[in-house]
Each structure stands twice: as C-alpha cells, then as structure tokens.
Amino acid sequence: QVQLVESGGGLVQTGGSLRLSCAASGSLFSINAIGWSRQAPGKQPELVAKIFSRNYNASVSDSVKGRFTIARDNAKTTAYLQKNSLKAEDTAVYYCYADLINGGGSDWGQGTQVTVSS
C-alpha cells in the first residue's frame, strides 16, 4: 500500500502558475506510475497527467498540454505537477494517485483544491 499526500494547492489568478507536490510513502517499489487527476464541481473526473516509475515516460491530457508538466524526483518519493498559464477552467480538486504493479489497483491522496480566479 502507498500513502500519498498532496500539497501546493491554493488560489491563483488567471495566467498564473502553481506547483503541486505529491509525497509518496509506503511500498514505493510497488508503484508503476504516479499521476494527477482532477474533478471540477459538477464535472466528471479527468486524468490530467501521468509518469511511469521505470522509464519516467510522461504524458498529459490534451486539455493541459503545453501548460502542465509532470515530473518526479530521482528518489521517486515525490511527484510534481507544474501548472502554468492557468485558466478558470483549471479550478478543481486535484488528486494524486499511484497505479500499483501486478494488478494492485490504485491508491489515492486526499486531494488539494486549486482555484483560479479571473
């Protein structure tokens, strides 16, 4: 099992930047990939970004491409989501998740609120 704690959320103006962090602990060896998902009020959850542990291959959704970047430190204990050129539609609760190896499912953090004001 993996424990995930997000931080870095808050209020930011349109066009601003924010960096979210996700600190992982527990069975780190079991993490196949770490990613970020978000859910805005009244909307379905959206997978935003993902980075694989083995080769650091990363991907982001089309809605944030060119603005958001996912990264992970070499110790593989922390994942980051750098968010630039923020828009009002980026307002959401952002969740960090870890996909586990061998069909272990996923573990999720508690979420952090990001509010982009115009």
C-alpha atoms as a PDB file:
ATOM      1  CA  GLN A   1       0.000   0.000   0.000  1.00  0.00           C
ATOM      2  CA  VAL A   2       1.113   3.513  -0.814  1.00  0.00           C
ATOM      3  CA  GLN A   3       0.238   6.662   1.079  1.00  0.00           C
ATOM      4  CA  LEU A   4       0.019   9.889  -0.912  1.00  0.00           C
ATOM      5  CA  VAL A   5      -0.153  13.424   0.416  1.00  0.00           C
ATOM      6  CA  GLU A   6      -0.750  16.360  -1.904  1.00  0.00           C
ATOM      7  CA  SER A   7       0.262  19.925  -1.231  1.00  0.00           C
ATOM      8  CA  GLY A   8       0.611  23.200  -3.066  1.00  0.00           C
ATOM      9  CA  GLY A   9      -2.971  23.990  -3.880  1.00  0.00           C
ATOM     10  CA  GLY A  10      -4.495  27.388  -3.362  1.00  0.00           C
ATOM     11  CA  LEU A  11      -5.858  30.474  -5.043  1.00  0.00           C
ATOM     12  CA  VAL A  12      -4.151  31.901  -8.098  1.00  0.00           C
ATOM     13  CA  GLN A  13      -5.085  34.435 -10.735  1.00  0.00           C
ATOM     14  CA  THR A  14      -5.706  33.605 -14.356  1.00  0.00           C
ATOM     15  CA  GLY A  15      -2.423  33.278 -16.193  1.00  0.00           C
ATOM     16  CA  GLY A  16      -0.528  32.457 -13.037  1.00  0.00           C
ATOM     17  CA  SER A  17       1.422  29.359 -12.067  1.00  0.00           C
ATOM     18  CA  LEU A  18       1.232  26.808  -9.322  1.00  0.00           C
ATOM     19  CA  ARG A  19       3.174  23.670  -8.475  1.00  0.00           C
ATOM     20  CA  LEU A  20       1.514  20.755  -6.781  1.00  0.00           C
ATOM     21  CA  SER A  21       3.516  18.149  -4.905  1.00  0.00           C
ATOM     22  CA  CYS A  22       2.627  14.578  -4.098  1.00  0.00           C
ATOM     23  CA  ALA A  23       4.686  12.916  -1.397  1.00  0.00           C
ATOM     24  CA  ALA A  24       4.601   9.137  -1.532  1.00  0.00           C
ATOM     25  CA  SER A  25       5.437   6.728   1.264  1.00  0.00           C
ATOM     26  CA  GLY A  26       4.954   3.076   1.996  1.00  0.00           C
ATOM     27  CA  SER A  27       5.555   0.398  -0.622  1.00  0.00           C
ATOM     28  CA  LEU A  28       7.266   2.662  -3.133  1.00  0.00           C
ATOM     29  CA  PHE A  29       8.636  -0.306  -5.069  1.00  0.00           C
ATOM     30  CA  SER A  30       5.072  -1.258  -5.960  1.00  0.00           C
ATOM     31  CA  ILE A  31       4.355   1.972  -7.820  1.00  0.00           C
ATOM     32  CA  ASN A  32       4.101   1.502 -11.566  1.00  0.00           C
ATOM     33  CA  ALA A  33       3.121   5.093 -12.264  1.00  0.00           C
ATOM     34  CA  ILE A  34       2.072   8.231 -10.431  1.00  0.00           C
ATOM     35  CA  GLY A  35      -0.422  10.637 -11.838  1.00  0.00           C
ATOM     36  CA  TRP A  36      -2.771  13.502 -11.234  1.00  0.00           C
ATOM     37  CA  SER A  37      -6.498  13.601 -11.706  1.00  0.00           C
ATOM     38  CA  ARG A  38      -8.856  16.490 -11.151  1.00  0.00           C
ATOM     39  CA  GLN A  39     -12.543  16.985 -10.572  1.00  0.00           C
ATOM     40  CA  ALA A  40     -14.280  20.279 -11.056  1.00  0.00           C
ATOM     41  CA  PRO A  41     -17.688  20.949  -9.492  1.00  0.00           C
ATOM     42  CA  GLY A  42     -20.424  19.231 -11.444  1.00  0.00           C
ATOM     43  CA  LYS A  43     -17.993  17.561 -13.835  1.00  0.00           C
ATOM     44  CA  GLN A  44     -16.587  14.101 -14.313  1.00  0.00           C
ATOM     45  CA  PRO A  45     -13.090  13.344 -13.055  1.00  0.00           C
ATOM     46  CA  GLU A  46     -10.354  13.940 -15.583  1.00  0.00           C
ATOM     47  CA  LEU A  47      -6.963  12.261 -15.738  1.00  0.00           C
ATOM     48  CA  VAL A  48      -4.517  15.099 -16.204  1.00  0.00           C
ATOM     49  CA  ALA A  49      -1.008  13.686 -16.160  1.00  0.00           C
ATOM     50  CA  LYS A  50       0.918  10.503 -15.531  1.00  0.00           C
ATOM     51  CA  ILE A  51       4.558   9.475 -15.222  1.00  0.00           C
ATOM     52  CA  PHE A  52       5.918   5.936 -15.140  1.00  0.00           C
ATOM     53  CA  SER A  53       8.401   4.829 -12.499  1.00  0.00           C
ATOM     54  CA  ARG A  54      10.593   2.617 -14.640  1.00  0.00           C
ATOM     55  CA  ASN A  55      11.410   4.947 -17.503  1.00  0.00           C
ATOM     56  CA  TYR A  56       9.970   8.314 -16.449  1.00  0.00           C
ATOM     57  CA  ASN A  57       7.801   8.383 -19.560  1.00  0.00           C
ATOM     58  CA  ALA A  58       5.237  11.106 -19.001  1.00  0.00           C
ATOM     59  CA  SER A  59       2.001  12.170 -20.621  1.00  0.00           C
ATOM     60  CA  VAL A  60      -0.572  14.895 -20.078  1.00  0.00           C
ATOM     61  CA  SER A  61      -4.123  15.300 -21.292  1.00  0.00           C
ATOM     62  CA  ASP A  62      -4.923  17.411 -24.322  1.00  0.00           C
ATOM     63  CA  SER A  63      -6.720  19.949 -22.145  1.00  0.00           C
ATOM     64  CA  VAL A  64      -3.493  20.875 -20.337  1.00  0.00           C
ATOM     65  CA  LYS A  65      -0.870  20.070 -22.952  1.00  0.00           C
ATOM     66  CA  GLY A  66       1.678  22.849 -23.257  1.00  0.00           C
ATOM     67  CA  ARG A  67       0.715  24.268 -19.865  1.00  0.00           C
ATOM     68  CA  PHE A  68       1.142  21.446 -17.348  1.00  0.00           C
ATOM     69  CA  THR A  69       4.205  19.308 -16.774  1.00  0.00           C
ATOM     70  CA  ILE A  70       4.572  16.266 -14.558  1.00  0.00           C
ATOM     71  CA  ALA A  71       7.889  15.291 -13.023  1.00  0.00           C
ATOM     72  CA  ARG A  72       9.249  13.041 -10.341  1.00  0.00           C
ATOM     73  CA  ASP A  73      12.356  13.260  -8.194  1.00  0.00           C
ATOM     74  CA  ASN A  74      15.129  10.700  -8.542  1.00  0.00           C
ATOM     75  CA  ALA A  75      14.335   9.144  -5.187  1.00  0.00           C
ATOM     76  CA  LYS A  76      10.831   8.559  -6.537  1.00  0.00           C
ATOM     77  CA  THR A  77       9.279   9.802  -3.358  1.00  0.00           C
ATOM     78  CA  THR A  78       7.719  12.959  -4.718  1.00  0.00           C
ATOM     79  CA  ALA A  79       5.839  13.791  -7.904  1.00  0.00           C
ATOM     80  CA  TYR A  80       5.182  17.299  -9.089  1.00  0.00           C
ATOM     81  CA  LEU A  81       2.620  18.917 -11.322  1.00  0.00           C
ATOM     82  CA  GLN A  82       3.819  22.256 -12.637  1.00  0.00           C
ATOM     83  CA  LYS A  83       0.881  24.286 -13.868  1.00  0.00           C
ATOM     84  CA  ASN A  84       1.429  27.382 -15.961  1.00  0.00           C
ATOM     85  CA  SER A  85      -0.901  29.752 -17.800  1.00  0.00           C
ATOM     86  CA  LEU A  86      -3.740  28.755 -15.534  1.00  0.00           C
ATOM     87  CA  LYS A  87      -7.298  29.241 -16.663  1.00  0.00           C
ATOM     88  CA  ALA A  88     -10.560  29.465 -14.756  1.00  0.00           C
ATOM     89  CA  GLU A  89     -11.494  26.018 -16.093  1.00  0.00           C
ATOM     90  CA  ASP A  90      -8.477  24.570 -14.277  1.00  0.00           C
ATOM     91  CA  THR A  91     -10.314  25.167 -10.999  1.00  0.00           C
ATOM     92  CA  ALA A  92     -10.801  21.760  -9.411  1.00  0.00           C
ATOM     93  CA  VAL A  93      -9.758  19.444  -6.650  1.00  0.00           C
ATOM     94  CA  TYR A  94      -6.548  17.782  -7.777  1.00  0.00           C
ATOM     95  CA  TYR A  95      -5.839  14.246  -6.659  1.00  0.00           C
ATOM     96  CA  CYS A  96      -2.577  12.368  -6.788  1.00  0.00           C
ATOM     97  CA  TYR A  97      -2.810   8.659  -7.491  1.00  0.00           C
ATOM     98  CA  ALA A  98      -0.426   5.742  -7.766  1.00  0.00           C
ATOM     99  CA  ASP A  99      -1.017   2.817 -10.096  1.00  0.00           C
ATOM    100  CA  LEU A 100       0.404  -0.289  -8.491  1.00  0.00           C
ATOM    101  CA  ILE A 101       2.171  -3.185 -10.164  1.00  0.00           C
ATOM    102  CA  ASN A 102       0.785  -6.695 -10.565  1.00  0.00           C
ATOM    103  CA  GLY A 103      -2.840  -5.629 -10.688  1.00  0.00           C
ATOM    104  CA  GLY A 104      -2.663  -3.972  -7.316  1.00  0.00           C
ATOM    105  CA  GLY A 105      -5.113  -1.264  -8.305  1.00  0.00           C
ATOM    106  CA  SER A 106      -4.532   2.349  -7.344  1.00  0.00           C
ATOM    107  CA  ASP A 107      -4.050   4.347  -4.189  1.00  0.00           C
ATOM    108  CA  TRP A 108      -5.221   7.925  -3.943  1.00  0.00           C
ATOM    109  CA  GLY A 109      -4.369  11.033  -1.991  1.00  0.00           C
ATOM    110  CA  GLN A 110      -6.907  13.193  -0.207  1.00  0.00           C
ATOM    111  CA  GLY A 111      -6.864  15.943  -2.836  1.00  0.00           C
ATOM    112  CA  THR A 112      -5.928  19.595  -2.864  1.00  0.00           C
ATOM    113  CA  GLN A 113      -8.096  22.472  -4.031  1.00  0.00           C
ATOM    114  CA  VAL A 114      -6.912  24.742  -6.807  1.00  0.00           C
ATOM    115  CA  THR A 115      -8.939  27.840  -7.553  1.00  0.00           C
ATOM    116  CA  VAL A 116      -8.143  30.075 -10.498  1.00  0.00           C
ATOM    117  CA  SER A 117      -9.767  33.478 -10.303  1.00  0.00           C
ATOM    118  CA  SER A 118     -10.347  35.745 -13.271  1.00  0.00           C
END
